[in-house]
Amino acid sequence: MNRRVGPLPVEPAAPKPVLEHAGLRAWIDQHQYSALSSLGRMWARRSATVLTVLVMGLALALPLLLSLAVGNLRGFGGSLTDSREVAAFLRVDAAPADIERSVAAVRALADVARVEVRDPAAGLDELRRLDGFGEALELIGANPLPSVLVVAPQAAIDAARIGALAAAIENIDGVDFVQFDLAWRQRLDAALALSQRVVWVVGILLALGALLVVGNTIRLDVAARADEIAIVQLLGGTDGFVRRPFLYAGVWYGTLAALAAIVGAGLAFGALAAPVARLAQTYGASHALAGPGLAACLAVLAGGIVLGWIGAWAAVGRQLALGKPQ
């Protein structure tokens, strides 16, 4: 007897997979909300936010201005070509062939960038243009000046190597004596090195001040939201969830302060560019004041963000260590 067989049971369809990366999407949404909500709270307290940003911006701008000032002084010292040039006075009775041999020997030295020959007539004309020398030179019948080799060293070498170059030039046959103010260059290099060290010390002190400013601001914000934070903790909110909006607030403070410091430094150097150029002209040099470049701007921006984040972390961490913000 044939038994009627019904349709085979169909297995239920597998449920549709949950959206892949749902956890990552939720994590991103939480961070976006924390970032925007912290920015909104800062906007709600615009006066206090502006004061905090200006104080932090000043703490970031001062080291930036000092560093740029030292860099410009270093460049200005390098642009004073007369202070770097070595003047080699040849013998008065040197013949043209002797002068050519001396020039060739000087050009063969490693640290020499350029050699210029000034004949006695050019030297006499230069003296005649100076105040008080014109009438005195009229009384002299013959030209007593020798030929001079004006040697420009390589731009990258320091004062010690320029001094060694001057000593090597003085030993060349046909050179009577060499004029070079090595002590002046050494004092300038020592002053610039000290200035760079001062920039680091002032920068560290002001960075600590910026940490205190942002830390105190975040601490006051935490204290104002103590009841809200306590409820979140009772509902199971983790320390990371509680800390997140305050960390973003610290990052916003640091970012805005860094931008304010960069803009302020740019305006300051723009206002000083023309007077510095006129001062350089009085020394016979052409020096354009260099403002904050891309690397300096990125360094200040990164420093502001890091300081804001660390200050906020320390302020919130202290409150969380107490168990419940007061």
C-alpha atoms as a PDB file:
ATOM      1  CA  MET A   1       0.000   0.000   0.000  1.00  0.00           C
ATOM      2  CA  ASN A   2       1.397   3.261  -1.093  1.00  0.00           C
ATOM      3  CA  ARG A   3       1.428   5.932   1.518  1.00  0.00           C
ATOM      4  CA  ARG A   4       1.055   9.433   0.395  1.00  0.00           C
ATOM      5  CA  VAL A   5       4.093  11.376   1.308  1.00  0.00           C
ATOM      6  CA  GLY A   6       3.632  15.047   1.919  1.00  0.00           C
ATOM      7  CA  PRO A   7       6.089  17.735   0.901  1.00  0.00           C
ATOM      8  CA  LEU A   8       9.375  17.671   2.609  1.00  0.00           C
ATOM      9  CA  PRO A   9       9.668  20.200   5.433  1.00  0.00           C
ATOM     10  CA  VAL A  10      11.429  23.321   4.388  1.00  0.00           C
ATOM     11  CA  GLU A  11      14.110  24.597   6.697  1.00  0.00           C
ATOM     12  CA  PRO A  12      13.413  28.111   7.902  1.00  0.00           C
ATOM     13  CA  ALA A  13      15.451  30.744   6.171  1.00  0.00           C
ATOM     14  CA  ALA A  14      18.447  31.956   8.083  1.00  0.00           C
ATOM     15  CA  PRO A  15      17.884  35.394   9.588  1.00  0.00           C
ATOM     16  CA  LYS A  16      19.452  38.219   7.672  1.00  0.00           C
ATOM     17  CA  PRO A  17      22.854  39.033   9.074  1.00  0.00           C
ATOM     18  CA  VAL A  18      23.035  42.038  11.286  1.00  0.00           C
ATOM     19  CA  LEU A  19      24.648  45.033   9.651  1.00  0.00           C
ATOM     20  CA  GLU A  20      28.333  44.343   9.427  1.00  0.00           C
ATOM     21  CA  HIS A  21      30.516  46.699  11.395  1.00  0.00           C
ATOM     22  CA  ALA A  22      27.541  47.789  13.514  1.00  0.00           C
ATOM     23  CA  GLY A  23      29.793  48.061  16.529  1.00  0.00           C
ATOM     24  CA  LEU A  24      32.235  50.253  14.659  1.00  0.00           C
ATOM     25  CA  ARG A  25      29.397  52.444  13.412  1.00  0.00           C
ATOM     26  CA  ALA A  26      28.051  52.844  16.944  1.00  0.00           C
ATOM     27  CA  TRP A  27      31.533  53.751  18.177  1.00  0.00           C
ATOM     28  CA  ILE A  28      31.897  56.388  15.445  1.00  0.00           C
ATOM     29  CA  ASP A  29      28.445  57.790  16.241  1.00  0.00           C
ATOM     30  CA  GLN A  30      29.337  58.102  19.912  1.00  0.00           C
ATOM     31  CA  HIS A  31      32.519  59.984  19.102  1.00  0.00           C
ATOM     32  CA  GLN A  32      30.720  62.282  16.677  1.00  0.00           C
ATOM     33  CA  TYR A  33      28.091  63.052  19.273  1.00  0.00           C
ATOM     34  CA  SER A  34      30.702  63.715  21.961  1.00  0.00           C
ATOM     35  CA  ALA A  35      32.680  66.000  19.654  1.00  0.00           C
ATOM     36  CA  LEU A  36      29.644  68.010  18.540  1.00  0.00           C
ATOM     37  CA  SER A  37      28.034  68.155  21.982  1.00  0.00           C
ATOM     38  CA  SER A  38      31.266  69.414  23.582  1.00  0.00           C
ATOM     39  CA  LEU A  39      31.561  72.054  20.870  1.00  0.00           C
ATOM     40  CA  GLY A  40      27.950  73.060  21.489  1.00  0.00           C
ATOM     41  CA  ARG A  41      28.550  73.470  25.208  1.00  0.00           C
ATOM     42  CA  MET A  42      31.582  75.622  24.454  1.00  0.00           C
ATOM     43  CA  TRP A  43      29.449  77.773  22.161  1.00  0.00           C
ATOM     44  CA  ALA A  44      26.859  78.129  24.900  1.00  0.00           C
ATOM     45  CA  ARG A  45      29.576  79.614  27.143  1.00  0.00           C
ATOM     46  CA  ARG A  46      31.126  81.827  24.486  1.00  0.00           C
ATOM     47  CA  SER A  47      32.620  84.407  26.849  1.00  0.00           C
ATOM     48  CA  ALA A  48      34.409  81.843  29.011  1.00  0.00           C
ATOM     49  CA  THR A  49      35.498  79.911  25.918  1.00  0.00           C
ATOM     50  CA  VAL A  50      37.004  82.993  24.289  1.00  0.00           C
ATOM     51  CA  LEU A  51      38.952  83.861  27.449  1.00  0.00           C
ATOM     52  CA  THR A  52      40.288  80.309  27.778  1.00  0.00           C
ATOM     53  CA  VAL A  53      41.269  80.171  24.105  1.00  0.00           C
ATOM     54  CA  LEU A  54      43.009  83.554  24.277  1.00  0.00           C
ATOM     55  CA  VAL A  55      45.002  82.616  27.376  1.00  0.00           C
ATOM     56  CA  MET A  56      46.060  79.292  25.860  1.00  0.00           C
ATOM     57  CA  GLY A  57      46.750  81.000  22.534  1.00  0.00           C
ATOM     58  CA  LEU A  58      49.038  83.484  24.241  1.00  0.00           C
ATOM     59  CA  ALA A  59      50.887  80.640  25.961  1.00  0.00           C
ATOM     60  CA  LEU A  60      51.406  78.976  22.569  1.00  0.00           C
ATOM     61  CA  ALA A  61      52.155  82.171  20.645  1.00  0.00           C
ATOM     62  CA  LEU A  62      55.015  83.381  22.856  1.00  0.00           C
ATOM     63  CA  PRO A  63      57.297  80.354  22.270  1.00  0.00           C
ATOM     64  CA  LEU A  64      56.411  80.451  18.580  1.00  0.00           C
ATOM     65  CA  LEU A  65      57.315  84.139  18.332  1.00  0.00           C
ATOM     66  CA  LEU A  66      60.556  83.634  20.250  1.00  0.00           C
ATOM     67  CA  SER A  67      61.544  80.669  18.080  1.00  0.00           C
ATOM     68  CA  LEU A  68      60.802  82.595  14.892  1.00  0.00           C
ATOM     69  CA  ALA A  69      62.724  85.592  16.225  1.00  0.00           C
ATOM     70  CA  VAL A  70      65.796  83.444  16.914  1.00  0.00           C
ATOM     71  CA  GLY A  71      65.516  81.873  13.461  1.00  0.00           C
ATOM     72  CA  ASN A  72      65.297  85.291  11.827  1.00  0.00           C
ATOM     73  CA  LEU A  73      68.267  86.552  13.838  1.00  0.00           C
ATOM     74  CA  ARG A  74      70.260  83.547  12.679  1.00  0.00           C
ATOM     75  CA  GLY A  75      69.262  84.232   9.094  1.00  0.00           C
ATOM     76  CA  PHE A  76      69.984  87.934   9.504  1.00  0.00           C
ATOM     77  CA  GLY A  77      73.448  87.167  10.840  1.00  0.00           C
ATOM     78  CA  GLY A  78      74.030  84.907   7.865  1.00  0.00           C
ATOM     79  CA  SER A  79      72.796  87.585   5.454  1.00  0.00           C
ATOM     80  CA  LEU A  80      75.354  90.079   6.739  1.00  0.00           C
ATOM     81  CA  THR A  81      77.833  89.150   4.060  1.00  0.00           C
ATOM     82  CA  ASP A  82      80.326  91.813   5.083  1.00  0.00           C
ATOM     83  CA  SER A  83      80.631  90.233   8.531  1.00  0.00           C
ATOM     84  CA  ARG A  84      81.373  86.814   7.002  1.00  0.00           C
ATOM     85  CA  GLU A  85      83.706  87.893   4.243  1.00  0.00           C
ATOM     86  CA  VAL A  86      87.458  87.528   4.650  1.00  0.00           C
ATOM     87  CA  ALA A  87      89.564  90.378   3.279  1.00  0.00           C
ATOM     88  CA  ALA A  88      93.013  89.244   2.134  1.00  0.00           C
ATOM     89  CA  PHE A  89      95.385  92.190   1.504  1.00  0.00           C
ATOM     90  CA  LEU A  90      98.077  91.385  -1.018  1.00  0.00           C
ATOM     91  CA  ARG A  91     101.534  92.884  -1.084  1.00  0.00           C
ATOM     92  CA  VAL A  92     101.713  96.402  -2.466  1.00  0.00           C
ATOM     93  CA  ASP A  93     104.363  95.436  -5.012  1.00  0.00           C
ATOM     94  CA  ALA A  94     102.460  92.366  -6.256  1.00  0.00           C
ATOM     95  CA  ALA A  95     102.569  91.977 -10.027  1.00  0.00           C
ATOM     96  CA  PRO A  96      99.450  91.002 -12.028  1.00  0.00           C
ATOM     97  CA  ALA A  97     100.797  87.473 -12.459  1.00  0.00           C
ATOM     98  CA  ASP A  98     101.335  87.182  -8.691  1.00  0.00           C
ATOM     99  CA  ILE A  99      97.763  88.366  -8.075  1.00  0.00           C
ATOM    100  CA  GLU A 100      96.400  85.732 -10.463  1.00  0.00           C
ATOM    101  CA  ARG A 101      98.329  82.990  -8.679  1.00  0.00           C
ATOM    102  CA  SER A 102      97.027  84.167  -5.295  1.00  0.00           C
ATOM    103  CA  VAL A 103      93.446  84.240  -6.588  1.00  0.00           C
ATOM    104  CA  ALA A 104      93.787  80.726  -7.982  1.00  0.00           C
ATOM    105  CA  ALA A 105      95.215  79.443  -4.695  1.00  0.00           C
ATOM    106  CA  VAL A 106      92.363  80.992  -2.699  1.00  0.00           C
ATOM    107  CA  ARG A 107      89.696  79.608  -5.031  1.00  0.00           C
ATOM    108  CA  ALA A 108      91.174  76.146  -4.618  1.00  0.00           C
ATOM    109  CA  LEU A 109      90.345  76.143  -0.888  1.00  0.00           C
ATOM    110  CA  ALA A 110      87.397  73.930   0.113  1.00  0.00           C
ATOM    111  CA  ASP A 111      85.182  76.423   1.983  1.00  0.00           C
ATOM    112  CA  VAL A 112      85.435  79.272  -0.519  1.00  0.00           C
ATOM    113  CA  ALA A 113      82.263  80.239  -2.377  1.00  0.00           C
ATOM    114  CA  ARG A 114      83.405  83.354  -4.241  1.00  0.00           C
ATOM    115  CA  VAL A 115      86.537  85.480  -4.663  1.00  0.00           C
ATOM    116  CA  GLU A 116      86.360  89.106  -5.736  1.00  0.00           C
ATOM    117  CA  VAL A 117      89.453  91.120  -6.658  1.00  0.00           C
ATOM    118  CA  ARG A 118      89.452  94.796  -5.744  1.00  0.00           C
ATOM    119  CA  ASP A 119      92.251  96.709  -7.344  1.00  0.00           C
ATOM    120  CA  PRO A 120      93.875  99.733  -5.629  1.00  0.00           C
ATOM    121  CA  ALA A 121      91.780 102.182  -7.672  1.00  0.00           C
ATOM    122  CA  ALA A 122      88.515 100.632  -6.450  1.00  0.00           C
ATOM    123  CA  GLY A 123      89.736 100.745  -2.862  1.00  0.00           C
ATOM    124  CA  LEU A 124      90.709 104.397  -3.227  1.00  0.00           C
ATOM    125  CA  ASP A 125      87.265 105.273  -4.616  1.00  0.00           C
ATOM    126  CA  GLU A 126      85.613 103.498  -1.694  1.00  0.00           C
ATOM    127  CA  LEU A 127      87.694 105.467   0.793  1.00  0.00           C
ATOM    128  CA  ARG A 128      86.946 108.690  -1.021  1.00  0.00           C
ATOM    129  CA  ARG A 129      83.202 108.133  -0.495  1.00  0.00           C
ATOM    130  CA  LEU A 130      83.642 107.938   3.272  1.00  0.00           C
ATOM    131  CA  ASP A 131      83.205 111.086   5.331  1.00  0.00           C
ATOM    132  CA  GLY A 132      86.472 112.798   6.238  1.00  0.00           C
ATOM    133  CA  PHE A 133      88.696 110.860   3.812  1.00  0.00           C
ATOM    134  CA  GLY A 134      88.117 112.818   0.612  1.00  0.00           C
ATOM    135  CA  GLU A 135      90.259 115.842   1.494  1.00  0.00           C
ATOM    136  CA  ALA A 136      92.966 113.697   3.088  1.00  0.00           C
ATOM    137  CA  LEU A 137      93.289 111.541  -0.004  1.00  0.00           C
ATOM    138  CA  GLU A 138      93.705 114.614  -2.187  1.00  0.00           C
ATOM    139  CA  LEU A 139      96.932 115.345  -0.338  1.00  0.00           C
ATOM    140  CA  ILE A 140      98.364 111.939  -1.233  1.00  0.00           C
ATOM    141  CA  GLY A 141      99.962 111.833  -4.625  1.00  0.00           C
ATOM    142  CA  ALA A 142     100.316 108.095  -5.261  1.00  0.00           C
ATOM    143  CA  ASN A 143      97.788 105.404  -4.370  1.00  0.00           C
ATOM    144  CA  PRO A 144      99.172 103.560  -1.298  1.00  0.00           C
ATOM    145  CA  LEU A 145      96.503 100.827  -1.268  1.00  0.00           C
ATOM    146  CA  PRO A 146      97.227  97.220  -2.278  1.00  0.00           C
ATOM    147  CA  SER A 147      94.975  94.860  -4.165  1.00  0.00           C
ATOM    148  CA  VAL A 148      92.464  93.095  -1.934  1.00  0.00           C
ATOM    149  CA  LEU A 149      90.849  89.693  -2.327  1.00  0.00           C
ATOM    150  CA  VAL A 150      87.335  89.671  -0.842  1.00  0.00           C
ATOM    151  CA  VAL A 151      86.627  86.008  -0.071  1.00  0.00           C
ATOM    152  CA  ALA A 152      83.021  84.901   0.568  1.00  0.00           C
ATOM    153  CA  PRO A 153      82.881  81.589   2.480  1.00  0.00           C
ATOM    154  CA  GLN A 154      80.259  78.911   2.000  1.00  0.00           C
ATOM    155  CA  ALA A 155      76.947  79.774   3.639  1.00  0.00           C
ATOM    156  CA  ALA A 156      76.752  76.564   5.689  1.00  0.00           C
ATOM    157  CA  ILE A 157      80.025  76.887   7.599  1.00  0.00           C
ATOM    158  CA  ASP A 158      80.237  78.309  11.110  1.00  0.00           C
ATOM    159  CA  ALA A 159      82.530  80.919  12.620  1.00  0.00           C
ATOM    160  CA  ALA A 160      85.214  78.397  13.587  1.00  0.00           C
ATOM    161  CA  ARG A 161      85.555  77.117  10.027  1.00  0.00           C
ATOM    162  CA  ILE A 162      85.624  80.683   8.702  1.00  0.00           C
ATOM    163  CA  GLY A 163      88.483  81.371  11.105  1.00  0.00           C
ATOM    164  CA  ALA A 164      90.321  78.295   9.831  1.00  0.00           C
ATOM    165  CA  LEU A 165      89.710  79.502   6.278  1.00  0.00           C
ATOM    166  CA  ALA A 166      91.173  82.916   7.146  1.00  0.00           C
ATOM    167  CA  ALA A 167      94.280  81.261   8.580  1.00  0.00           C
ATOM    168  CA  ALA A 168      94.681  79.160   5.424  1.00  0.00           C
ATOM    169  CA  ILE A 169      94.356  82.249   3.225  1.00  0.00           C
ATOM    170  CA  GLU A 170      96.990  84.091   5.272  1.00  0.00           C
ATOM    171  CA  ASN A 171      99.495  81.307   4.570  1.00  0.00           C
ATOM    172  CA  ILE A 172      99.109  81.687   0.796  1.00  0.00           C
ATOM    173  CA  ASP A 173     102.118  83.166  -0.971  1.00  0.00           C
ATOM    174  CA  GLY A 174     101.536  86.794  -1.888  1.00  0.00           C
ATOM    175  CA  VAL A 175      99.047  87.559   0.940  1.00  0.00           C
ATOM    176  CA  ASP A 176     100.332  90.243   3.302  1.00  0.00           C
ATOM    177  CA  PHE A 177      97.677  89.961   6.019  1.00  0.00           C
ATOM    178  CA  VAL A 178      94.033  88.906   6.493  1.00  0.00           C
ATOM    179  CA  GLN A 179      91.225  90.818   8.159  1.00  0.00           C
ATOM    180  CA  PHE A 180      88.354  88.871   9.713  1.00  0.00           C
ATOM    181  CA  ASP A 181      86.432  89.518  12.927  1.00  0.00           C
ATOM    182  CA  LEU A 182      86.217  85.984  14.316  1.00  0.00           C
ATOM    183  CA  ALA A 183      85.371  87.131  17.850  1.00  0.00           C
ATOM    184  CA  TRP A 184      82.254  88.940  16.627  1.00  0.00           C
ATOM    185  CA  ARG A 185      80.959  85.821  14.898  1.00  0.00           C
ATOM    186  CA  GLN A 186      81.675  83.658  17.934  1.00  0.00           C
ATOM    187  CA  ARG A 187      79.788  86.052  20.212  1.00  0.00           C
ATOM    188  CA  LEU A 188      76.855  86.072  17.796  1.00  0.00           C
ATOM    189  CA  ASP A 189      76.738  82.267  17.610  1.00  0.00           C
ATOM    190  CA  ALA A 190      76.940  81.993  21.410  1.00  0.00           C
ATOM    191  CA  ALA A 191      74.111  84.523  21.806  1.00  0.00           C
ATOM    192  CA  LEU A 192      71.946  82.629  19.322  1.00  0.00           C
ATOM    193  CA  ALA A 193      72.607  79.318  21.102  1.00  0.00           C
ATOM    194  CA  LEU A 194      71.626  80.898  24.422  1.00  0.00           C
ATOM    195  CA  SER A 195      68.500  82.359  22.843  1.00  0.00           C
ATOM    196  CA  GLN A 196      67.495  78.937  21.540  1.00  0.00           C
ATOM    197  CA  ARG A 197      67.874  77.478  25.030  1.00  0.00           C
ATOM    198  CA  VAL A 198      65.753  80.308  26.447  1.00  0.00           C
ATOM    199  CA  VAL A 199      63.055  79.500  23.884  1.00  0.00           C
ATOM    200  CA  TRP A 200      62.923  75.894  25.107  1.00  0.00           C
ATOM    201  CA  VAL A 201      62.737  76.902  28.778  1.00  0.00           C
ATOM    202  CA  VAL A 202      60.030  79.509  28.174  1.00  0.00           C
ATOM    203  CA  GLY A 203      58.134  77.088  25.948  1.00  0.00           C
ATOM    204  CA  ILE A 204      58.074  74.379  28.632  1.00  0.00           C
ATOM    205  CA  LEU A 205      56.916  76.831  31.305  1.00  0.00           C
ATOM    206  CA  LEU A 206      54.166  78.233  29.115  1.00  0.00           C
ATOM    207  CA  ALA A 207      53.090  74.721  28.099  1.00  0.00           C
ATOM    208  CA  LEU A 208      52.640  73.902  31.775  1.00  0.00           C
ATOM    209  CA  GLY A 209      50.618  77.095  32.124  1.00  0.00           C
ATOM    210  CA  ALA A 210      48.409  76.063  29.198  1.00  0.00           C
ATOM    211  CA  LEU A 211      47.872  72.672  30.852  1.00  0.00           C
ATOM    212  CA  LEU A 212      46.741  74.352  34.053  1.00  0.00           C
ATOM    213  CA  VAL A 213      44.372  76.642  32.164  1.00  0.00           C
ATOM    214  CA  VAL A 214      42.618  73.926  30.206  1.00  0.00           C
ATOM    215  CA  GLY A 215      42.674  71.569  33.190  1.00  0.00           C
ATOM    216  CA  ASN A 216      41.001  74.113  35.441  1.00  0.00           C
ATOM    217  CA  THR A 217      38.402  74.913  32.765  1.00  0.00           C
ATOM    218  CA  ILE A 218      37.524  71.243  32.305  1.00  0.00           C
ATOM    219  CA  ARG A 219      37.456  70.717  36.062  1.00  0.00           C
ATOM    220  CA  LEU A 220      34.859  73.458  36.445  1.00  0.00           C
ATOM    221  CA  ASP A 221      32.816  71.904  33.646  1.00  0.00           C
ATOM    222  CA  VAL A 222      32.977  68.508  35.344  1.00  0.00           C
ATOM    223  CA  ALA A 223      31.879  70.030  38.642  1.00  0.00           C
ATOM    224  CA  ALA A 224      28.949  71.763  36.923  1.00  0.00           C
ATOM    225  CA  ARG A 225      27.788  68.439  35.439  1.00  0.00           C
ATOM    226  CA  ALA A 226      28.362  66.361  38.577  1.00  0.00           C
ATOM    227  CA  ASP A 227      24.745  65.218  38.916  1.00  0.00           C
ATOM    228  CA  GLU A 228      24.512  64.292  35.237  1.00  0.00           C
ATOM    229  CA  ILE A 229      27.733  62.279  35.446  1.00  0.00           C
ATOM    230  CA  ALA A 230      26.549  60.530  38.613  1.00  0.00           C
ATOM    231  CA  ILE A 231      23.369  59.382  36.849  1.00  0.00           C
ATOM    232  CA  VAL A 232      25.359  58.080  33.883  1.00  0.00           C
ATOM    233  CA  GLN A 233      27.610  56.132  36.234  1.00  0.00           C
ATOM    234  CA  LEU A 234      24.596  54.640  38.058  1.00  0.00           C
ATOM    235  CA  LEU A 235      23.210  53.493  34.698  1.00  0.00           C
ATOM    236  CA  GLY A 236      26.441  51.671  33.957  1.00  0.00           C
ATOM    237  CA  GLY A 237      28.349  54.292  32.011  1.00  0.00           C
ATOM    238  CA  THR A 238      32.039  53.490  31.877  1.00  0.00           C
ATOM    239  CA  ASP A 239      34.821  55.908  32.726  1.00  0.00           C
ATOM    240  CA  GLY A 240      35.666  56.158  29.050  1.00  0.00           C
ATOM    241  CA  PHE A 241      32.089  57.130  28.197  1.00  0.00           C
ATOM    242  CA  VAL A 242      32.090  59.786  30.918  1.00  0.00           C
ATOM    243  CA  ARG A 243      35.518  61.098  29.980  1.00  0.00           C
ATOM    244  CA  ARG A 244      34.968  61.265  26.197  1.00  0.00           C
ATOM    245  CA  PRO A 245      33.090  64.608  25.842  1.00  0.00           C
ATOM    246  CA  PHE A 246      35.536  66.364  28.154  1.00  0.00           C
ATOM    247  CA  LEU A 247      38.492  65.047  26.173  1.00  0.00           C
ATOM    248  CA  TYR A 248      36.941  66.422  23.000  1.00  0.00           C
ATOM    249  CA  ALA A 249      36.419  69.737  24.769  1.00  0.00           C
ATOM    250  CA  GLY A 250      40.132  69.803  25.614  1.00  0.00           C
ATOM    251  CA  VAL A 251      40.994  69.029  21.987  1.00  0.00           C
ATOM    252  CA  TRP A 252      38.715  71.855  20.804  1.00  0.00           C
ATOM    253  CA  TYR A 253      40.330  74.281  23.254  1.00  0.00           C
ATOM    254  CA  GLY A 254      43.799  73.275  22.098  1.00  0.00           C
ATOM    255  CA  THR A 255      42.906  73.496  18.406  1.00  0.00           C
ATOM    256  CA  LEU A 256      41.309  76.934  18.686  1.00  0.00           C
ATOM    257  CA  ALA A 257      44.186  78.212  20.843  1.00  0.00           C
ATOM    258  CA  ALA A 258      46.755  76.947  18.315  1.00  0.00           C
ATOM    259  CA  LEU A 259      44.913  78.638  15.447  1.00  0.00           C
ATOM    260  CA  ALA A 260      44.768  81.867  17.447  1.00  0.00           C
ATOM    261  CA  ALA A 261      48.513  81.627  18.144  1.00  0.00           C
ATOM    262  CA  ILE A 262      49.326  81.062  14.468  1.00  0.00           C
ATOM    263  CA  VAL A 263      47.155  83.964  13.316  1.00  0.00           C
ATOM    264  CA  GLY A 264      48.601  86.253  15.995  1.00  0.00           C
ATOM    265  CA  ALA A 265      52.175  85.329  15.097  1.00  0.00           C
ATOM    266  CA  GLY A 266      51.467  85.911  11.417  1.00  0.00           C
ATOM    267  CA  LEU A 267      49.989  89.342  12.098  1.00  0.00           C
ATOM    268  CA  ALA A 268      52.909  90.285  14.352  1.00  0.00           C
ATOM    269  CA  PHE A 269      55.512  89.323  11.777  1.00  0.00           C
ATOM    270  CA  GLY A 270      53.552  91.050   9.037  1.00  0.00           C
ATOM    271  CA  ALA A 271      53.633  94.272  11.038  1.00  0.00           C
ATOM    272  CA  LEU A 272      57.403  93.954  11.634  1.00  0.00           C
ATOM    273  CA  ALA A 273      58.420  92.966   8.102  1.00  0.00           C
ATOM    274  CA  ALA A 274      58.943  96.497   6.716  1.00  0.00           C
ATOM    275  CA  PRO A 275      60.939  97.893   9.722  1.00  0.00           C
ATOM    276  CA  VAL A 276      63.208  94.837   9.747  1.00  0.00           C
ATOM    277  CA  ALA A 277      63.866  95.189   6.022  1.00  0.00           C
ATOM    278  CA  ARG A 278      64.845  98.830   6.517  1.00  0.00           C
ATOM    279  CA  LEU A 279      67.137  97.869   9.406  1.00  0.00           C
ATOM    280  CA  ALA A 280      68.836  95.227   7.258  1.00  0.00           C
ATOM    281  CA  GLN A 281      69.464  97.795   4.537  1.00  0.00           C
ATOM    282  CA  THR A 282      71.390  99.966   6.993  1.00  0.00           C
ATOM    283  CA  TYR A 283      73.799  97.024   7.452  1.00  0.00           C
ATOM    284  CA  GLY A 284      74.139  96.552   3.715  1.00  0.00           C
ATOM    285  CA  ALA A 285      72.085  93.360   3.672  1.00  0.00           C
ATOM    286  CA  SER A 286      68.723  92.341   2.292  1.00  0.00           C
ATOM    287  CA  HIS A 287      66.733  90.262   4.774  1.00  0.00           C
ATOM    288  CA  ALA A 288      63.043  89.415   4.478  1.00  0.00           C
ATOM    289  CA  LEU A 289      61.415  88.582   7.797  1.00  0.00           C
ATOM    290  CA  ALA A 290      60.262  84.956   7.750  1.00  0.00           C
ATOM    291  CA  GLY A 291      56.936  84.276   9.432  1.00  0.00           C
ATOM    292  CA  PRO A 292      55.595  80.915  10.624  1.00  0.00           C
ATOM    293  CA  GLY A 293      55.970  78.268   7.940  1.00  0.00           C
ATOM    294  CA  LEU A 294      53.926  75.129   7.389  1.00  0.00           C
ATOM    295  CA  ALA A 295      56.113  72.993   9.679  1.00  0.00           C
ATOM    296  CA  ALA A 296      55.882  75.528  12.519  1.00  0.00           C
ATOM    297  CA  CYS A 297      52.107  75.835  12.095  1.00  0.00           C
ATOM    298  CA  LEU A 298      51.644  72.057  12.181  1.00  0.00           C
ATOM    299  CA  ALA A 299      53.891  71.796  15.261  1.00  0.00           C
ATOM    300  CA  VAL A 300      51.894  74.469  17.114  1.00  0.00           C
ATOM    301  CA  LEU A 301      48.606  72.836  16.104  1.00  0.00           C
ATOM    302  CA  ALA A 302      49.785  69.420  17.276  1.00  0.00           C
ATOM    303  CA  GLY A 303      51.148  70.906  20.496  1.00  0.00           C
ATOM    304  CA  GLY A 304      47.856  72.670  21.237  1.00  0.00           C
ATOM    305  CA  ILE A 305      45.829  69.506  20.649  1.00  0.00           C
ATOM    306  CA  VAL A 306      48.137  67.398  22.832  1.00  0.00           C
ATOM    307  CA  LEU A 307      48.148  69.959  25.654  1.00  0.00           C
ATOM    308  CA  GLY A 308      44.357  70.277  25.567  1.00  0.00           C
ATOM    309  CA  TRP A 309      43.902  66.502  25.586  1.00  0.00           C
ATOM    310  CA  ILE A 310      46.357  65.926  28.444  1.00  0.00           C
ATOM    311  CA  GLY A 311      44.876  68.746  30.533  1.00  0.00           C
ATOM    312  CA  ALA A 312      41.348  67.404  30.080  1.00  0.00           C
ATOM    313  CA  TRP A 313      42.435  63.824  30.833  1.00  0.00           C
ATOM    314  CA  ALA A 314      44.140  64.883  34.051  1.00  0.00           C
ATOM    315  CA  ALA A 315      41.171  66.979  35.198  1.00  0.00           C
ATOM    316  CA  VAL A 316      38.550  64.290  34.525  1.00  0.00           C
ATOM    317  CA  GLY A 317      40.766  61.497  35.794  1.00  0.00           C
ATOM    318  CA  ARG A 318      41.091  63.235  39.144  1.00  0.00           C
ATOM    319  CA  GLN A 319      37.329  63.493  39.472  1.00  0.00           C
ATOM    320  CA  LEU A 320      36.750  59.876  38.425  1.00  0.00           C
ATOM    321  CA  ALA A 321      39.338  58.717  40.958  1.00  0.00           C
ATOM    322  CA  LEU A 322      37.116  60.161  43.671  1.00  0.00           C
ATOM    323  CA  GLY A 323      34.322  57.800  42.634  1.00  0.00           C
ATOM    324  CA  LYS A 324      31.757  60.499  42.044  1.00  0.00           C
ATOM    325  CA  PRO A 325      32.419  64.047  40.845  1.00  0.00           C
ATOM    326  CA  GLN A 326      31.694  66.619  43.475  1.00  0.00           C
END
